[in-house]
Amino acid sequence: METLSALKMAHMIATVVLLGCALGLGVWVFLARRKGDATAGSRTLQRPRVFVWLLMGLALLSMPFTGWGMVHLVGWPLGQTWLLASSVLYTVAALAWFWLLVRLNKLRKAPGSVGKFTFALALFSFVCFIAIAGLMGAKPV
């Protein structure tokens, strides 16, 4: 039972770190743009904020392993609808997150307007991760 508790804690910490970092970056960009800084979105990959992106990446990479470990220890079949839905949502959200990272890196090299599509990618991935957290919290087992 100790292993299951450790996996649950690691999974929850990764979720909180991922969503907290995303929310923090979003608030930072929003406040900077509100002050009139048009390049705030393209500056999210500068040195101090790279640490936040690395934390988010580590959390993203650890979640499938801790999730699979919990499912394996508890003995749930992988064909349950909520597990399949969360796996598909996770895959789509992680791909959107990586696409967002590549897009912001290109904008960092050639500063300009971030655009609505970049914001839509960030919002889509954030909403997907919130939905996954909801599925995990209300698992109908």
N, C-alpha and C. Protein backbone atom coordinates (compact mmCIF):
# COMPACT_ATOMS: atom_id res chain seq x y z
N MET A 1 0.82 -1.18 0.00
CA MET A 1 0.00 0.00 0.00
C MET A 1 0.87 1.26 0.00
N GLU A 2 2.08 1.18 0.49
CA GLU A 2 2.96 2.33 0.51
C GLU A 2 3.31 2.78 -0.90
N THR A 3 3.49 1.84 -1.81
CA THR A 3 3.82 2.17 -3.19
C THR A 3 2.67 2.91 -3.84
N LEU A 4 1.46 2.46 -3.61
CA LEU A 4 0.29 3.11 -4.18
C LEU A 4 0.15 4.54 -3.64
N SER A 5 0.38 4.72 -2.37
CA SER A 5 0.30 6.07 -1.79
C SER A 5 1.37 6.98 -2.37
N ALA A 6 2.57 6.45 -2.56
CA ALA A 6 3.65 7.25 -3.14
C ALA A 6 3.33 7.62 -4.59
N LEU A 7 2.77 6.68 -5.34
CA LEU A 7 2.39 6.98 -6.73
C LEU A 7 1.27 8.02 -6.79
N LYS A 8 0.30 7.90 -5.89
CA LYS A 8 -0.78 8.90 -5.85
C LYS A 8 -0.22 10.28 -5.55
N MET A 9 0.67 10.36 -4.58
CA MET A 9 1.26 11.65 -4.23
C MET A 9 2.06 12.23 -5.39
N ALA A 10 2.87 11.39 -6.03
CA ALA A 10 3.67 11.86 -7.17
C ALA A 10 2.77 12.33 -8.31
N HIS A 11 1.69 11.61 -8.56
CA HIS A 11 0.74 11.98 -9.62
C HIS A 11 0.03 13.29 -9.29
N MET A 12 -0.38 13.44 -8.05
CA MET A 12 -1.06 14.68 -7.65
C MET A 12 -0.10 15.87 -7.68
N ILE A 13 1.12 15.66 -7.23
CA ILE A 13 2.10 16.74 -7.25
C ILE A 13 2.40 17.16 -8.69
N ALA A 14 2.55 16.18 -9.58
CA ALA A 14 2.79 16.50 -10.99
C ALA A 14 1.62 17.28 -11.59
N THR A 15 0.40 16.90 -11.23
CA THR A 15 -0.78 17.62 -11.73
C THR A 15 -0.81 19.05 -11.20
N VAL A 16 -0.55 19.22 -9.93
CA VAL A 16 -0.57 20.56 -9.33
C VAL A 16 0.55 21.42 -9.92
N VAL A 17 1.73 20.84 -10.09
CA VAL A 17 2.86 21.60 -10.67
C VAL A 17 2.53 22.01 -12.10
N LEU A 18 2.00 21.09 -12.88
CA LEU A 18 1.67 21.39 -14.28
C LEU A 18 0.63 22.49 -14.39
N LEU A 19 -0.47 22.33 -13.68
CA LEU A 19 -1.54 23.32 -13.77
C LEU A 19 -1.14 24.65 -13.11
N GLY A 20 -0.40 24.59 -12.02
CA GLY A 20 0.06 25.81 -11.36
C GLY A 20 1.03 26.61 -12.23
N CYS A 21 1.97 25.92 -12.85
CA CYS A 21 2.92 26.60 -13.73
C CYS A 21 2.20 27.21 -14.93
N ALA A 22 1.28 26.46 -15.50
CA ALA A 22 0.53 26.97 -16.66
C ALA A 22 -0.29 28.19 -16.26
N LEU A 23 -0.93 28.12 -15.12
CA LEU A 23 -1.72 29.26 -14.65
C LEU A 23 -0.82 30.46 -14.34
N GLY A 24 0.32 30.21 -13.73
CA GLY A 24 1.27 31.28 -13.43
C GLY A 24 1.78 31.97 -14.69
N LEU A 25 2.16 31.19 -15.69
CA LEU A 25 2.61 31.78 -16.95
C LEU A 25 1.48 32.57 -17.62
N GLY A 26 0.28 32.02 -17.57
CA GLY A 26 -0.86 32.70 -18.18
C GLY A 26 -1.15 34.03 -17.50
N VAL A 27 -1.11 34.06 -16.18
CA VAL A 27 -1.35 35.29 -15.44
C VAL A 27 -0.24 36.30 -15.73
N TRP A 28 1.01 35.82 -15.77
CA TRP A 28 2.13 36.71 -16.07
C TRP A 28 1.97 37.36 -17.44
N VAL A 29 1.62 36.57 -18.47
CA VAL A 29 1.44 37.12 -19.81
C VAL A 29 0.25 38.09 -19.82
N PHE A 30 -0.83 37.72 -19.15
CA PHE A 30 -2.01 38.59 -19.12
C PHE A 30 -1.69 39.93 -18.49
N LEU A 31 -1.01 39.92 -17.34
CA LEU A 31 -0.68 41.17 -16.66
C LEU A 31 0.31 42.00 -17.47
N ALA A 32 1.28 41.34 -18.10
CA ALA A 32 2.26 42.08 -18.90
C ALA A 32 1.59 42.70 -20.12
N ARG A 33 0.69 41.97 -20.75
CA ARG A 33 -0.02 42.52 -21.92
C ARG A 33 -0.97 43.64 -21.51
N ARG A 34 -1.51 43.53 -20.33
CA ARG A 34 -2.42 44.56 -19.84
C ARG A 34 -1.68 45.87 -19.58
N LYS A 35 -0.40 45.75 -19.22
CA LYS A 35 0.42 46.94 -19.01
C LYS A 35 0.90 47.54 -20.32
N GLY A 36 0.63 46.86 -21.44
CA GLY A 36 1.01 47.40 -22.75
C GLY A 36 2.22 46.73 -23.38
N ASP A 37 2.73 45.67 -22.79
CA ASP A 37 3.88 44.95 -23.35
C ASP A 37 3.37 43.96 -24.40
N ALA A 38 3.52 44.29 -25.67
CA ALA A 38 3.01 43.44 -26.75
C ALA A 38 3.86 42.20 -26.97
N THR A 39 5.10 42.20 -26.48
CA THR A 39 5.98 41.05 -26.71
C THR A 39 6.00 40.09 -25.53
N ALA A 40 5.09 40.22 -24.59
CA ALA A 40 5.09 39.39 -23.39
C ALA A 40 4.93 37.91 -23.72
N GLY A 41 4.07 37.60 -24.66
CA GLY A 41 3.86 36.20 -25.02
C GLY A 41 5.08 35.54 -25.62
N SER A 42 5.81 36.28 -26.44
CA SER A 42 7.00 35.71 -27.05
C SER A 42 8.18 35.66 -26.08
N ARG A 43 8.08 36.37 -24.96
CA ARG A 43 9.16 36.36 -23.97
C ARG A 43 8.96 35.31 -22.89
N THR A 44 7.98 34.42 -23.04
CA THR A 44 7.75 33.40 -22.00
C THR A 44 8.85 32.36 -21.97
N LEU A 45 9.69 32.29 -22.99
CA LEU A 45 10.77 31.31 -23.00
C LEU A 45 12.12 31.92 -22.64
N GLN A 46 12.12 33.10 -22.07
CA GLN A 46 13.38 33.68 -21.65
C GLN A 46 13.86 33.00 -20.37
N ARG A 47 15.08 33.25 -20.01
CA ARG A 47 15.79 32.50 -18.97
C ARG A 47 15.01 32.24 -17.68
N PRO A 48 14.42 33.20 -17.01
CA PRO A 48 13.76 32.87 -15.73
C PRO A 48 12.56 31.94 -15.90
N ARG A 49 11.88 32.04 -17.01
CA ARG A 49 10.68 31.24 -17.20
C ARG A 49 10.97 29.88 -17.82
N VAL A 50 12.18 29.66 -18.30
CA VAL A 50 12.53 28.34 -18.84
C VAL A 50 12.43 27.29 -17.74
N PHE A 51 12.78 27.66 -16.51
CA PHE A 51 12.66 26.74 -15.39
C PHE A 51 11.22 26.27 -15.22
N VAL A 52 10.27 27.19 -15.40
CA VAL A 52 8.85 26.84 -15.28
C VAL A 52 8.47 25.86 -16.39
N TRP A 53 8.95 26.11 -17.61
CA TRP A 53 8.65 25.20 -18.72
C TRP A 53 9.27 23.82 -18.48
N LEU A 54 10.48 23.79 -17.90
CA LEU A 54 11.11 22.51 -17.59
C LEU A 54 10.33 21.75 -16.52
N LEU A 55 9.84 22.46 -15.50
CA LEU A 55 9.00 21.82 -14.48
C LEU A 55 7.74 21.24 -15.11
N MET A 56 7.14 22.00 -16.01
CA MET A 56 5.94 21.51 -16.68
C MET A 56 6.26 20.28 -17.52
N GLY A 57 7.38 20.29 -18.21
CA GLY A 57 7.77 19.14 -19.03
C GLY A 57 8.02 17.90 -18.19
N LEU A 58 8.70 18.07 -17.05
CA LEU A 58 8.93 16.93 -16.16
C LEU A 58 7.62 16.37 -15.61
N ALA A 59 6.71 17.27 -15.27
CA ALA A 59 5.41 16.82 -14.78
C ALA A 59 4.66 16.08 -15.88
N LEU A 60 4.71 16.60 -17.09
CA LEU A 60 4.05 15.95 -18.23
C LEU A 60 4.62 14.56 -18.48
N LEU A 61 5.93 14.43 -18.38
CA LEU A 61 6.57 13.14 -18.65
C LEU A 61 6.32 12.12 -17.54
N SER A 62 6.18 12.59 -16.31
CA SER A 62 6.01 11.65 -15.20
C SER A 62 4.58 11.12 -15.08
N MET A 63 3.61 11.88 -15.55
CA MET A 63 2.21 11.50 -15.34
C MET A 63 1.81 10.16 -15.95
N PRO A 64 2.20 9.83 -17.18
CA PRO A 64 1.80 8.51 -17.70
C PRO A 64 2.36 7.35 -16.89
N PHE A 65 3.58 7.51 -16.38
CA PHE A 65 4.20 6.43 -15.63
C PHE A 65 3.56 6.24 -14.26
N THR A 66 3.33 7.35 -13.57
CA THR A 66 2.68 7.22 -12.26
C THR A 66 1.23 6.77 -12.41
N GLY A 67 0.56 7.26 -13.45
CA GLY A 67 -0.82 6.83 -13.69
C GLY A 67 -0.92 5.36 -14.01
N TRP A 68 -0.03 4.88 -14.89
CA TRP A 68 -0.05 3.46 -15.22
C TRP A 68 0.29 2.62 -13.99
N GLY A 69 1.24 3.08 -13.19
CA GLY A 69 1.60 2.35 -11.97
C GLY A 69 0.43 2.22 -11.02
N MET A 70 -0.34 3.30 -10.85
CA MET A 70 -1.51 3.24 -9.97
C MET A 70 -2.57 2.29 -10.52
N VAL A 71 -2.83 2.39 -11.81
CA VAL A 71 -3.83 1.51 -12.43
C VAL A 71 -3.41 0.05 -12.30
N HIS A 72 -2.13 -0.21 -12.50
CA HIS A 72 -1.62 -1.58 -12.40
C HIS A 72 -1.71 -2.11 -10.97
N LEU A 73 -1.36 -1.29 -9.98
CA LEU A 73 -1.40 -1.74 -8.59
C LEU A 73 -2.83 -1.96 -8.11
N VAL A 74 -3.74 -1.10 -8.52
CA VAL A 74 -5.14 -1.24 -8.09
C VAL A 74 -5.81 -2.39 -8.82
N GLY A 75 -5.40 -2.62 -10.07
CA GLY A 75 -5.96 -3.73 -10.83
C GLY A 75 -7.13 -3.35 -11.72
N TRP A 76 -7.26 -2.07 -12.04
CA TRP A 76 -8.33 -1.65 -12.93
C TRP A 76 -8.02 -2.09 -14.35
N PRO A 77 -9.03 -2.53 -15.09
CA PRO A 77 -8.80 -2.86 -16.50
C PRO A 77 -8.59 -1.57 -17.31
N LEU A 78 -7.68 -1.61 -18.26
CA LEU A 78 -7.36 -0.42 -19.04
C LEU A 78 -8.46 -0.04 -20.03
N GLY A 79 -9.46 -0.88 -20.18
CA GLY A 79 -10.54 -0.60 -21.12
C GLY A 79 -11.69 0.20 -20.54
N GLN A 80 -11.56 0.67 -19.31
CA GLN A 80 -12.63 1.48 -18.73
C GLN A 80 -12.73 2.81 -19.47
N THR A 81 -13.95 3.28 -19.63
CA THR A 81 -14.19 4.48 -20.43
C THR A 81 -13.45 5.70 -19.89
N TRP A 82 -13.45 5.89 -18.59
CA TRP A 82 -12.80 7.07 -18.04
C TRP A 82 -11.29 7.02 -18.20
N LEU A 83 -10.71 5.81 -18.16
CA LEU A 83 -9.27 5.67 -18.40
C LEU A 83 -8.93 5.94 -19.86
N LEU A 84 -9.74 5.39 -20.77
CA LEU A 84 -9.50 5.62 -22.19
C LEU A 84 -9.68 7.09 -22.54
N ALA A 85 -10.74 7.70 -22.02
CA ALA A 85 -11.00 9.12 -22.31
C ALA A 85 -9.87 10.00 -21.78
N SER A 86 -9.41 9.71 -20.58
CA SER A 86 -8.33 10.52 -20.02
C SER A 86 -7.02 10.30 -20.78
N SER A 87 -6.78 9.08 -21.26
CA SER A 87 -5.57 8.82 -22.04
C SER A 87 -5.60 9.56 -23.38
N VAL A 88 -6.74 9.56 -24.03
CA VAL A 88 -6.87 10.29 -25.30
C VAL A 88 -6.73 11.79 -25.07
N LEU A 89 -7.41 12.30 -24.04
CA LEU A 89 -7.30 13.72 -23.70
C LEU A 89 -5.86 14.10 -23.36
N TYR A 90 -5.18 13.23 -22.62
CA TYR A 90 -3.80 13.50 -22.24
C TYR A 90 -2.91 13.58 -23.48
N THR A 91 -3.08 12.64 -24.40
CA THR A 91 -2.27 12.63 -25.61
C THR A 91 -2.49 13.90 -26.43
N VAL A 92 -3.75 14.28 -26.61
CA VAL A 92 -4.07 15.47 -27.39
C VAL A 92 -3.55 16.72 -26.68
N ALA A 93 -3.73 16.81 -25.38
CA ALA A 93 -3.29 17.99 -24.62
C ALA A 93 -1.76 18.08 -24.61
N ALA A 94 -1.07 16.96 -24.46
CA ALA A 94 0.39 16.98 -24.46
C ALA A 94 0.93 17.41 -25.83
N LEU A 95 0.31 16.92 -26.90
CA LEU A 95 0.73 17.34 -28.23
C LEU A 95 0.48 18.83 -28.44
N ALA A 96 -0.65 19.33 -27.95
CA ALA A 96 -0.94 20.77 -28.05
C ALA A 96 0.07 21.57 -27.23
N TRP A 97 0.46 21.05 -26.07
CA TRP A 97 1.44 21.73 -25.23
C TRP A 97 2.80 21.79 -25.94
N PHE A 98 3.22 20.67 -26.55
CA PHE A 98 4.50 20.67 -27.27
C PHE A 98 4.43 21.60 -28.48
N TRP A 99 3.30 21.63 -29.17
CA TRP A 99 3.13 22.53 -30.30
C TRP A 99 3.22 23.98 -29.83
N LEU A 100 2.61 24.26 -28.70
CA LEU A 100 2.67 25.60 -28.12
C LEU A 100 4.11 25.97 -27.79
N LEU A 101 4.85 25.05 -27.23
CA LEU A 101 6.25 25.30 -26.87
C LEU A 101 7.08 25.60 -28.12
N VAL A 102 6.89 24.83 -29.17
CA VAL A 102 7.61 25.07 -30.43
C VAL A 102 7.21 26.43 -31.01
N ARG A 103 5.94 26.72 -30.98
CA ARG A 103 5.45 27.99 -31.51
C ARG A 103 6.01 29.18 -30.73
N LEU A 104 6.05 29.09 -29.41
CA LEU A 104 6.61 30.16 -28.61
C LEU A 104 8.11 30.30 -28.81
N ASN A 105 8.79 29.19 -29.05
CA ASN A 105 10.23 29.24 -29.31
C ASN A 105 10.50 29.96 -30.63
N LYS A 106 9.68 29.71 -31.65
CA LYS A 106 9.83 30.43 -32.92
C LYS A 106 9.56 31.91 -32.74
N LEU A 107 8.56 32.23 -31.93
CA LEU A 107 8.25 33.64 -31.67
C LEU A 107 9.35 34.32 -30.87
N ARG A 108 10.03 33.56 -30.03
CA ARG A 108 11.13 34.12 -29.26
C ARG A 108 12.28 34.50 -30.18
N LYS A 109 12.53 33.68 -31.19
CA LYS A 109 13.63 33.96 -32.12
C LYS A 109 13.28 35.09 -33.07
N ALA A 110 12.01 35.21 -33.42
CA ALA A 110 11.55 36.28 -34.31
C ALA A 110 10.38 36.98 -33.62
N PRO A 111 10.67 37.91 -32.71
CA PRO A 111 9.59 38.53 -31.93
C PRO A 111 8.53 39.18 -32.81
N GLY A 112 7.35 39.10 -32.32
CA GLY A 112 6.21 39.69 -33.02
C GLY A 112 4.97 39.44 -32.21
N SER A 113 3.87 39.53 -32.86
CA SER A 113 2.60 39.29 -32.19
C SER A 113 2.40 37.81 -31.95
N VAL A 114 1.95 37.46 -30.78
CA VAL A 114 1.74 36.06 -30.44
C VAL A 114 0.54 35.50 -31.19
N GLY A 115 -0.54 36.22 -31.25
CA GLY A 115 -1.70 35.79 -32.03
C GLY A 115 -2.70 35.00 -31.22
N LYS A 116 -3.86 34.88 -31.81
CA LYS A 116 -4.96 34.19 -31.15
C LYS A 116 -4.78 32.68 -31.16
N PHE A 117 -4.11 32.15 -32.18
CA PHE A 117 -3.93 30.70 -32.26
C PHE A 117 -3.05 30.19 -31.12
N THR A 118 -2.02 30.94 -30.78
CA THR A 118 -1.15 30.56 -29.66
C THR A 118 -1.93 30.55 -28.36
N PHE A 119 -2.75 31.57 -28.17
CA PHE A 119 -3.59 31.62 -26.98
C PHE A 119 -4.58 30.46 -26.97
N ALA A 120 -5.14 30.14 -28.14
CA ALA A 120 -6.09 29.02 -28.24
C ALA A 120 -5.41 27.70 -27.91
N LEU A 121 -4.18 27.50 -28.36
CA LEU A 121 -3.44 26.28 -28.02
C LEU A 121 -3.22 26.17 -26.51
N ALA A 122 -2.82 27.27 -25.90
CA ALA A 122 -2.58 27.26 -24.46
C ALA A 122 -3.87 26.99 -23.70
N LEU A 123 -4.93 27.65 -24.09
CA LEU A 123 -6.21 27.46 -23.42
C LEU A 123 -6.75 26.05 -23.62
N PHE A 124 -6.62 25.52 -24.84
CA PHE A 124 -7.08 24.16 -25.14
C PHE A 124 -6.36 23.15 -24.28
N SER A 125 -5.04 23.27 -24.18
CA SER A 125 -4.29 22.30 -23.39
C SER A 125 -4.61 22.44 -21.91
N PHE A 126 -4.79 23.65 -21.43
CA PHE A 126 -5.15 23.85 -20.03
C PHE A 126 -6.52 23.24 -19.72
N VAL A 127 -7.49 23.47 -20.59
CA VAL A 127 -8.84 22.92 -20.38
C VAL A 127 -8.81 21.39 -20.43
N CYS A 128 -8.01 20.83 -21.34
CA CYS A 128 -7.90 19.37 -21.40
C CYS A 128 -7.34 18.79 -20.10
N PHE A 129 -6.32 19.45 -19.55
CA PHE A 129 -5.75 18.94 -18.30
C PHE A 129 -6.71 19.10 -17.12
N ILE A 130 -7.51 20.15 -17.13
CA ILE A 130 -8.55 20.31 -16.10
C ILE A 130 -9.58 19.19 -16.25
N ALA A 131 -9.96 18.88 -17.49
CA ALA A 131 -10.94 17.80 -17.73
C ALA A 131 -10.37 16.46 -17.28
N ILE A 132 -9.10 16.23 -17.52
CA ILE A 132 -8.47 14.98 -17.08
C ILE A 132 -8.48 14.90 -15.56
N ALA A 133 -8.16 16.00 -14.90
CA ALA A 133 -8.20 16.01 -13.43
C ALA A 133 -9.61 15.72 -12.93
N GLY A 134 -10.62 16.24 -13.63
CA GLY A 134 -12.01 15.95 -13.28
C GLY A 134 -12.34 14.48 -13.47
N LEU A 135 -11.88 13.89 -14.57
CA LEU A 135 -12.11 12.46 -14.79
C LEU A 135 -11.42 11.61 -13.72
N MET A 136 -10.23 12.00 -13.34
CA MET A 136 -9.51 11.24 -12.33
C MET A 136 -10.17 11.38 -10.95
N GLY A 137 -10.67 12.56 -10.66
CA GLY A 137 -11.30 12.78 -9.37
C GLY A 137 -12.64 12.10 -9.24
N ALA A 138 -13.39 12.00 -10.32
CA ALA A 138 -14.74 11.42 -10.28
C ALA A 138 -14.80 10.08 -10.98
N LYS A 139 -13.73 9.33 -10.89
CA LYS A 139 -13.67 8.03 -11.61
C LYS A 139 -14.84 7.14 -11.22
N PRO A 140 -15.63 6.74 -12.19
CA PRO A 140 -16.79 5.91 -11.90
C PRO A 140 -16.44 4.42 -11.86
N VAL A 141 -15.73 4.00 -10.84
CA VAL A 141 -15.32 2.59 -10.74
C VAL A 141 -16.38 1.81 -10.00
